Amino acid sequence: MYHDGILETMDDRKKLALLDLLKEFAEETDVQCIYSVIHAELPVDTEGHRLELPAHQIIRELSDEGDDGRLFRMPAF
């Protein structure tokens, strides 16, 4: 299952609840949940710390820093 921009414009409490729900769903059904998020959209806890996803849950980090940051690591055309 793939979702693009899944956390955009949501309240942080709802973001955390959704991420927990997706994790629970994936564990119970053995379905892989893939979603894209912008770092700034990750929820912040009550102490002001932004959620950091565990390294084993991150498949690809995209950036504008050259071909390595592109989805398929190929030059723009």
PDB file of N, CA and C in Angstrom:
ATOM      1  N   MET A   1       0.839  -1.147   0.000  1.00  0.00           N
ATOM      2  CA  MET A   1       0.000   0.000   0.000  1.00  0.00           C
ATOM      3  C   MET A   1       0.902   1.232   0.000  1.00  0.00           C
ATOM      4  N   TYR A   2       0.655   2.199  -0.901  1.00  0.00           N
ATOM      5  CA  TYR A   2       1.477   3.401  -1.015  1.00  0.00           C
ATOM      6  C   TYR A   2       0.630   4.649  -0.820  1.00  0.00           C
ATOM      7  N   HIS A   3       1.154   5.566  -0.017  1.00  0.00           N
ATOM      8  CA  HIS A   3       0.506   6.860   0.209  1.00  0.00           C
ATOM      9  C   HIS A   3       1.544   7.957   0.025  1.00  0.00           C
ATOM     10  N   ASP A   4       1.216   8.955  -0.770  1.00  0.00           N
ATOM     11  CA  ASP A   4       2.119  10.078  -1.002  1.00  0.00           C
ATOM     12  C   ASP A   4       1.673  11.263  -0.155  1.00  0.00           C
ATOM     13  N   GLY A   5       2.580  11.835   0.619  1.00  0.00           N
ATOM     14  CA  GLY A   5       2.264  12.999   1.428  1.00  0.00           C
ATOM     15  C   GLY A   5       1.238  12.720   2.506  1.00  0.00           C
ATOM     16  N   ILE A   6       1.332  11.583   3.118  1.00  0.00           N
ATOM     17  CA  ILE A   6       0.299  11.102   4.030  1.00  0.00           C
ATOM     18  C   ILE A   6       0.100  11.981   5.275  1.00  0.00           C
ATOM     19  N   LEU A   7       1.125  12.730   5.681  1.00  0.00           N
ATOM     20  CA  LEU A   7       1.024  13.496   6.917  1.00  0.00           C
ATOM     21  C   LEU A   7       0.756  14.987   6.700  1.00  0.00           C
ATOM     22  N   GLU A   8       0.597  15.394   5.473  1.00  0.00           N
ATOM     23  CA  GLU A   8       0.426  16.818   5.187  1.00  0.00           C
ATOM     24  C   GLU A   8      -0.847  17.367   5.820  1.00  0.00           C
ATOM     25  N   THR A   9      -0.718  18.531   6.405  1.00  0.00           N
ATOM     26  CA  THR A   9      -1.816  19.339   6.966  1.00  0.00           C
ATOM     27  C   THR A   9      -2.612  18.663   8.079  1.00  0.00           C
ATOM     28  N   MET A  10      -2.021  17.728   8.776  1.00  0.00           N
ATOM     29  CA  MET A  10      -2.725  17.072   9.882  1.00  0.00           C
ATOM     30  C   MET A  10      -2.184  17.582  11.211  1.00  0.00           C
ATOM     31  N   ASP A  11      -3.009  17.507  12.236  1.00  0.00           N
ATOM     32  CA  ASP A  11      -2.593  17.796  13.602  1.00  0.00           C
ATOM     33  C   ASP A  11      -1.595  16.724  14.042  1.00  0.00           C
ATOM     34  N   ASP A  12      -0.601  17.110  14.851  1.00  0.00           N
ATOM     35  CA  ASP A  12       0.439  16.160  15.267  1.00  0.00           C
ATOM     36  C   ASP A  12      -0.131  14.941  15.981  1.00  0.00           C
ATOM     37  N   ARG A  13      -1.174  15.117  16.774  1.00  0.00           N
ATOM     38  CA  ARG A  13      -1.768  13.961  17.469  1.00  0.00           C
ATOM     39  C   ARG A  13      -2.356  12.977  16.475  1.00  0.00           C
ATOM     40  N   LYS A  14      -2.979  13.499  15.427  1.00  0.00           N
ATOM     41  CA  LYS A  14      -3.549  12.622  14.399  1.00  0.00           C
ATOM     42  C   LYS A  14      -2.450  11.949  13.580  1.00  0.00           C
ATOM     43  N   LYS A  15      -1.351  12.666  13.348  1.00  0.00           N
ATOM     44  CA  LYS A  15      -0.227  12.073  12.627  1.00  0.00           C
ATOM     45  C   LYS A  15       0.325  10.878  13.400  1.00  0.00           C
ATOM     46  N   LEU A  16       0.529  11.063  14.708  1.00  0.00           N
ATOM     47  CA  LEU A  16       1.048   9.971  15.537  1.00  0.00           C
ATOM     48  C   LEU A  16       0.081   8.791  15.566  1.00  0.00           C
ATOM     49  N   ALA A  17      -1.218   9.086  15.675  1.00  0.00           N
ATOM     50  CA  ALA A  17      -2.226   8.021  15.685  1.00  0.00           C
ATOM     51  C   ALA A  17      -2.229   7.272  14.356  1.00  0.00           C
ATOM     52  N   LEU A  18      -2.104   7.992  13.247  1.00  0.00           N
ATOM     53  CA  LEU A  18      -2.092   7.349  11.927  1.00  0.00           C
ATOM     54  C   LEU A  18      -0.858   6.472  11.762  1.00  0.00           C
ATOM     55  N   LEU A  19       0.306   6.956  12.173  1.00  0.00           N
ATOM     56  CA  LEU A  19       1.521   6.159  12.065  1.00  0.00           C
ATOM     57  C   LEU A  19       1.426   4.895  12.922  1.00  0.00           C
ATOM     58  N   ASP A  20       0.847   5.014  14.104  1.00  0.00           N
ATOM     59  CA  ASP A  20       0.638   3.830  14.946  1.00  0.00           C
ATOM     60  C   ASP A  20      -0.318   2.844  14.278  1.00  0.00           C
ATOM     61  N   LEU A  21      -1.381   3.365  13.687  1.00  0.00           N
ATOM     62  CA  LEU A  21      -2.354   2.518  13.001  1.00  0.00           C
ATOM     63  C   LEU A  21      -1.721   1.787  11.821  1.00  0.00           C
ATOM     64  N   LEU A  22      -0.920   2.498  11.027  1.00  0.00           N
ATOM     65  CA  LEU A  22      -0.256   1.866   9.885  1.00  0.00           C
ATOM     66  C   LEU A  22       0.715   0.779  10.341  1.00  0.00           C
ATOM     67  N   LYS A  23       1.443   1.048  11.414  1.00  0.00           N
ATOM     68  CA  LYS A  23       2.375   0.051  11.941  1.00  0.00           C
ATOM     69  C   LYS A  23       1.619  -1.194  12.406  1.00  0.00           C
ATOM     70  N   GLU A  24       0.528  -0.986  13.132  1.00  0.00           N
ATOM     71  CA  GLU A  24      -0.284  -2.102  13.622  1.00  0.00           C
ATOM     72  C   GLU A  24      -0.878  -2.890  12.460  1.00  0.00           C
ATOM     73  N   PHE A  25      -1.391  -2.175  11.445  1.00  0.00           N
ATOM     74  CA  PHE A  25      -1.970  -2.821  10.273  1.00  0.00           C
ATOM     75  C   PHE A  25      -0.935  -3.687   9.563  1.00  0.00           C
ATOM     76  N   ALA A  26       0.270  -3.133   9.381  1.00  0.00           N
ATOM     77  CA  ALA A  26       1.322  -3.877   8.675  1.00  0.00           C
ATOM     78  C   ALA A  26       1.723  -5.129   9.439  1.00  0.00           C
ATOM     79  N   GLU A  27       1.796  -5.034  10.764  1.00  0.00           N
ATOM     80  CA  GLU A  27       2.174  -6.183  11.580  1.00  0.00           C
ATOM     81  C   GLU A  27       1.097  -7.264  11.576  1.00  0.00           C
ATOM     82  N   GLU A  28      -0.162  -6.854  11.602  1.00  0.00           N
ATOM     83  CA  GLU A  28      -1.262  -7.827  11.666  1.00  0.00           C
ATOM     84  C   GLU A  28      -1.573  -8.473  10.326  1.00  0.00           C
ATOM     85  N   THR A  29      -1.376  -7.745   9.236  1.00  0.00           N
ATOM     86  CA  THR A  29      -1.766  -8.255   7.921  1.00  0.00           C
ATOM     87  C   THR A  29      -0.593  -8.693   7.066  1.00  0.00           C
ATOM     88  N   ASP A  30       0.621  -8.346   7.484  1.00  0.00           N
ATOM     89  CA  ASP A  30       1.820  -8.629   6.707  1.00  0.00           C
ATOM     90  C   ASP A  30       1.795  -7.898   5.368  1.00  0.00           C
ATOM     91  N   VAL A  31       1.139  -6.722   5.342  1.00  0.00           N
ATOM     92  CA  VAL A  31       1.104  -5.859   4.163  1.00  0.00           C
ATOM     93  C   VAL A  31       2.134  -4.759   4.370  1.00  0.00           C
ATOM     94  N   GLN A  32       2.945  -4.504   3.366  1.00  0.00           N
ATOM     95  CA  GLN A  32       3.950  -3.460   3.470  1.00  0.00           C
ATOM     96  C   GLN A  32       3.305  -2.105   3.197  1.00  0.00           C
ATOM     97  N   CYS A  33       3.449  -1.180   4.128  1.00  0.00           N
ATOM     98  CA  CYS A  33       2.932   0.182   3.971  1.00  0.00           C
ATOM     99  C   CYS A  33       4.085   1.091   3.576  1.00  0.00           C
ATOM    100  N   ILE A  34       3.944   1.735   2.439  1.00  0.00           N
ATOM    101  CA  ILE A  34       4.972   2.648   1.939  1.00  0.00           C
ATOM    102  C   ILE A  34       4.339   4.029   1.868  1.00  0.00           C
ATOM    103  N   TYR A  35       5.018   5.002   2.431  1.00  0.00           N
ATOM    104  CA  TYR A  35       4.497   6.366   2.366  1.00  0.00           C
ATOM    105  C   TYR A  35       5.643   7.345   2.268  1.00  0.00           C
ATOM    106  N   SER A  36       5.355   8.468   1.622  1.00  0.00           N
ATOM    107  CA  SER A  36       6.361   9.518   1.507  1.00  0.00           C
ATOM    108  C   SER A  36       5.985  10.642   2.463  1.00  0.00           C
ATOM    109  N   VAL A  37       7.009  11.199   3.082  1.00  0.00           N
ATOM    110  CA  VAL A  37       6.801  12.327   3.993  1.00  0.00           C
ATOM    111  C   VAL A  37       7.926  13.333   3.811  1.00  0.00           C
ATOM    112  N   ILE A  38       7.608  14.577   4.050  1.00  0.00           N
ATOM    113  CA  ILE A  38       8.607  15.633   4.113  1.00  0.00           C
ATOM    114  C   ILE A  38       9.012  15.747   5.573  1.00  0.00           C
ATOM    115  N   HIS A  39      10.293  15.843   5.833  1.00  0.00           N
ATOM    116  CA  HIS A  39      10.801  15.861   7.209  1.00  0.00           C
ATOM    117  C   HIS A  39      10.043  16.881   8.063  1.00  0.00           C
ATOM    118  N   ALA A  40       9.774  18.044   7.522  1.00  0.00           N
ATOM    119  CA  ALA A  40       9.087  19.096   8.272  1.00  0.00           C
ATOM    120  C   ALA A  40       7.651  18.721   8.637  1.00  0.00           C
ATOM    121  N   GLU A  41       7.086  17.716   7.980  1.00  0.00           N
ATOM    122  CA  GLU A  41       5.719  17.269   8.268  1.00  0.00           C
ATOM    123  C   GLU A  41       5.666  16.175   9.331  1.00  0.00           C
ATOM    124  N   LEU A  42       6.817  15.644   9.746  1.00  0.00           N
ATOM    125  CA  LEU A  42       6.814  14.639  10.811  1.00  0.00           C
ATOM    126  C   LEU A  42       6.330  15.296  12.101  1.00  0.00           C
ATOM    127  N   PRO A  43       5.553  14.582  12.910  1.00  0.00           N
ATOM    128  CA  PRO A  43       4.981  15.182  14.112  1.00  0.00           C
ATOM    129  C   PRO A  43       6.030  15.533  15.165  1.00  0.00           C
ATOM    130  N   VAL A  44       5.670  16.511  15.982  1.00  0.00           N
ATOM    131  CA  VAL A  44       6.502  16.961  17.081  1.00  0.00           C
ATOM    132  C   VAL A  44       5.830  16.532  18.372  1.00  0.00           C
ATOM    133  N   ASP A  45       6.626  15.994  19.327  1.00  0.00           N
ATOM    134  CA  ASP A  45       6.036  15.561  20.599  1.00  0.00           C
ATOM    135  C   ASP A  45       5.821  16.748  21.533  1.00  0.00           C
ATOM    136  N   THR A  46       5.311  16.482  22.706  1.00  0.00           N
ATOM    137  CA  THR A  46       4.971  17.548  23.647  1.00  0.00           C
ATOM    138  C   THR A  46       6.199  18.310  24.144  1.00  0.00           C
ATOM    139  N   GLU A  47       7.387  17.734  23.973  1.00  0.00           N
ATOM    140  CA  GLU A  47       8.621  18.400  24.392  1.00  0.00           C
ATOM    141  C   GLU A  47       9.296  19.137  23.239  1.00  0.00           C
ATOM    142  N   GLY A  48       8.661  19.143  22.076  1.00  0.00           N
ATOM    143  CA  GLY A  48       9.194  19.859  20.925  1.00  0.00           C
ATOM    144  C   GLY A  48      10.187  19.083  20.082  1.00  0.00           C
ATOM    145  N   HIS A  49      10.291  17.770  20.300  1.00  0.00           N
ATOM    146  CA  HIS A  49      11.204  16.931  19.521  1.00  0.00           C
ATOM    147  C   HIS A  49      10.463  16.331  18.327  1.00  0.00           C
ATOM    148  N   ARG A  50      11.055  16.502  17.152  1.00  0.00           N
ATOM    149  CA  ARG A  50      10.451  15.942  15.943  1.00  0.00           C
ATOM    150  C   ARG A  50      10.666  14.433  15.917  1.00  0.00           C
ATOM    151  N   LEU A  51       9.638  13.701  15.511  1.00  0.00           N
ATOM    152  CA  LEU A  51       9.717  12.240  15.404  1.00  0.00           C
ATOM    153  C   LEU A  51      10.826  11.859  14.438  1.00  0.00           C
ATOM    154  N   GLU A  52      11.631  10.922  14.842  1.00  0.00           N
ATOM    155  CA  GLU A  52      12.670  10.364  13.977  1.00  0.00           C
ATOM    156  C   GLU A  52      12.299   8.909  13.697  1.00  0.00           C
ATOM    157  N   LEU A  53      12.162   8.575  12.434  1.00  0.00           N
ATOM    158  CA  LEU A  53      11.842   7.199  12.070  1.00  0.00           C
ATOM    159  C   LEU A  53      13.086   6.336  12.218  1.00  0.00           C
ATOM    160  N   PRO A  54      12.928   5.103  12.699  1.00  0.00           N
ATOM    161  CA  PRO A  54      14.080   4.203  12.813  1.00  0.00           C
ATOM    162  C   PRO A  54      14.695   3.936  11.439  1.00  0.00           C
ATOM    163  N   ALA A  55      16.003   3.812  11.400  1.00  0.00           N
ATOM    164  CA  ALA A  55      16.727   3.624  10.137  1.00  0.00           C
ATOM    165  C   ALA A  55      16.204   2.424   9.345  1.00  0.00           C
ATOM    166  N   HIS A  56      15.789   1.352  10.031  1.00  0.00           N
ATOM    167  CA  HIS A  56      15.319   0.159   9.308  1.00  0.00           C
ATOM    168  C   HIS A  56      13.966   0.385   8.626  1.00  0.00           C
ATOM    169  N   GLN A  57      13.287   1.488   8.957  1.00  0.00           N
ATOM    170  CA  GLN A  57      12.011   1.799   8.316  1.00  0.00           C
ATOM    171  C   GLN A  57      12.162   2.747   7.129  1.00  0.00           C
ATOM    172  N   ILE A  58      13.338   3.287   6.944  1.00  0.00           N
ATOM    173  CA  ILE A  58      13.570   4.237   5.849  1.00  0.00           C
ATOM    174  C   ILE A  58      14.197   3.500   4.678  1.00  0.00           C
ATOM    175  N   ILE A  59      13.486   3.478   3.573  1.00  0.00           N
ATOM    176  CA  ILE A  59      13.960   2.775   2.386  1.00  0.00           C
ATOM    177  C   ILE A  59      14.815   3.695   1.517  1.00  0.00           C
ATOM    178  N   ARG A  60      14.353   4.914   1.331  1.00  0.00           N
ATOM    179  CA  ARG A  60      15.070   5.860   0.466  1.00  0.00           C
ATOM    180  C   ARG A  60      14.833   7.270   0.969  1.00  0.00           C
ATOM    181  N   GLU A  61      15.904   8.050   1.079  1.00  0.00           N
ATOM    182  CA  GLU A  61      15.788   9.471   1.397  1.00  0.00           C
ATOM    183  C   GLU A  61      16.066  10.245   0.124  1.00  0.00           C
ATOM    184  N   LEU A  62      15.131  11.089  -0.265  1.00  0.00           N
ATOM    185  CA  LEU A  62      15.268  11.874  -1.486  1.00  0.00           C
ATOM    186  C   LEU A  62      15.712  13.288  -1.142  1.00  0.00           C
ATOM    187  N   SER A  63      16.461  13.896  -2.049  1.00  0.00           N
ATOM    188  CA  SER A  63      16.911  15.273  -1.861  1.00  0.00           C
ATOM    189  C   SER A  63      17.189  15.892  -3.230  1.00  0.00           C
ATOM    190  N   ASP A  64      17.500  17.166  -3.201  1.00  0.00           N
ATOM    191  CA  ASP A  64      17.858  17.872  -4.435  1.00  0.00           C
ATOM    192  C   ASP A  64      19.366  17.939  -4.614  1.00  0.00           C
ATOM    193  N   GLU A  65      20.100  17.101  -3.924  1.00  0.00           N
ATOM    194  CA  GLU A  65      21.558  17.146  -3.937  1.00  0.00           C
ATOM    195  C   GLU A  65      22.145  16.130  -4.916  1.00  0.00           C
ATOM    196  N   GLY A  66      21.934  16.352  -6.169  1.00  0.00           N
ATOM    197  CA  GLY A  66      22.528  15.495  -7.195  1.00  0.00           C
ATOM    198  C   GLY A  66      21.714  14.253  -7.491  1.00  0.00           C
ATOM    199  N   ASP A  67      22.265  13.423  -8.359  1.00  0.00           N
ATOM    200  CA  ASP A  67      21.561  12.227  -8.821  1.00  0.00           C
ATOM    201  C   ASP A  67      21.301  11.223  -7.702  1.00  0.00           C
ATOM    202  N   ASP A  68      22.166  11.166  -6.685  1.00  0.00           N
ATOM    203  CA  ASP A  68      21.968  10.218  -5.586  1.00  0.00           C
ATOM    204  C   ASP A  68      20.716  10.519  -4.776  1.00  0.00           C
ATOM    205  N   GLY A  69      20.242  11.759  -4.815  1.00  0.00           N
ATOM    206  CA  GLY A  69      19.035  12.120  -4.096  1.00  0.00           C
ATOM    207  C   GLY A  69      17.761  11.900  -4.891  1.00  0.00           C
ATOM    208  N   ARG A  70      17.909  11.497  -6.131  1.00  0.00           N
ATOM    209  CA  ARG A  70      16.744  11.269  -6.996  1.00  0.00           C
ATOM    210  C   ARG A  70      16.201   9.859  -6.766  1.00  0.00           C
ATOM    211  N   LEU A  71      14.927   9.658  -7.030  1.00  0.00           N
ATOM    212  CA  LEU A  71      14.268   8.380  -6.758  1.00  0.00           C
ATOM    213  C   LEU A  71      14.981   7.208  -7.424  1.00  0.00           C
ATOM    214  N   PHE A  72      15.324   7.349  -8.687  1.00  0.00           N
ATOM    215  CA  PHE A  72      15.960   6.247  -9.418  1.00  0.00           C
ATOM    216  C   PHE A  72      17.445   6.503  -9.671  1.00  0.00           C
ATOM    217  N   ARG A  73      18.003   7.486  -8.968  1.00  0.00           N
ATOM    218  CA  ARG A  73      19.436   7.822  -9.053  1.00  0.00           C
ATOM    219  C   ARG A  73      19.917   7.991 -10.484  1.00  0.00           C
ATOM    220  N   MET A  74      19.137   8.693 -11.274  1.00  0.00           N
ATOM    221  CA  MET A  74      19.513   8.944 -12.665  1.00  0.00           C
ATOM    222  C   MET A  74      19.410  10.433 -12.937  1.00  0.00           C
ATOM    223  N   PRO A  75      20.141  10.913 -13.927  1.00  0.00           N
ATOM    224  CA  PRO A  75      20.105  12.341 -14.232  1.00  0.00           C
ATOM    225  C   PRO A  75      18.723  12.798 -14.678  1.00  0.00           C
ATOM    226  N   ALA A  76      18.455  14.064 -14.432  1.00  0.00           N
ATOM    227  CA  ALA A  76      17.192  14.648 -14.916  1.00  0.00           C
ATOM    228  C   ALA A  76      17.210  14.651 -16.440  1.00  0.00           C
ATOM    229  N   PHE A  77      16.050  14.557 -17.037  1.00  0.00           N
ATOM    230  CA  PHE A  77      15.992  14.566 -18.493  1.00  0.00           C
ATOM    231  C   PHE A  77      15.069  15.660 -18.963  1.00  0.00           C
TER     232      PHE A  77
END
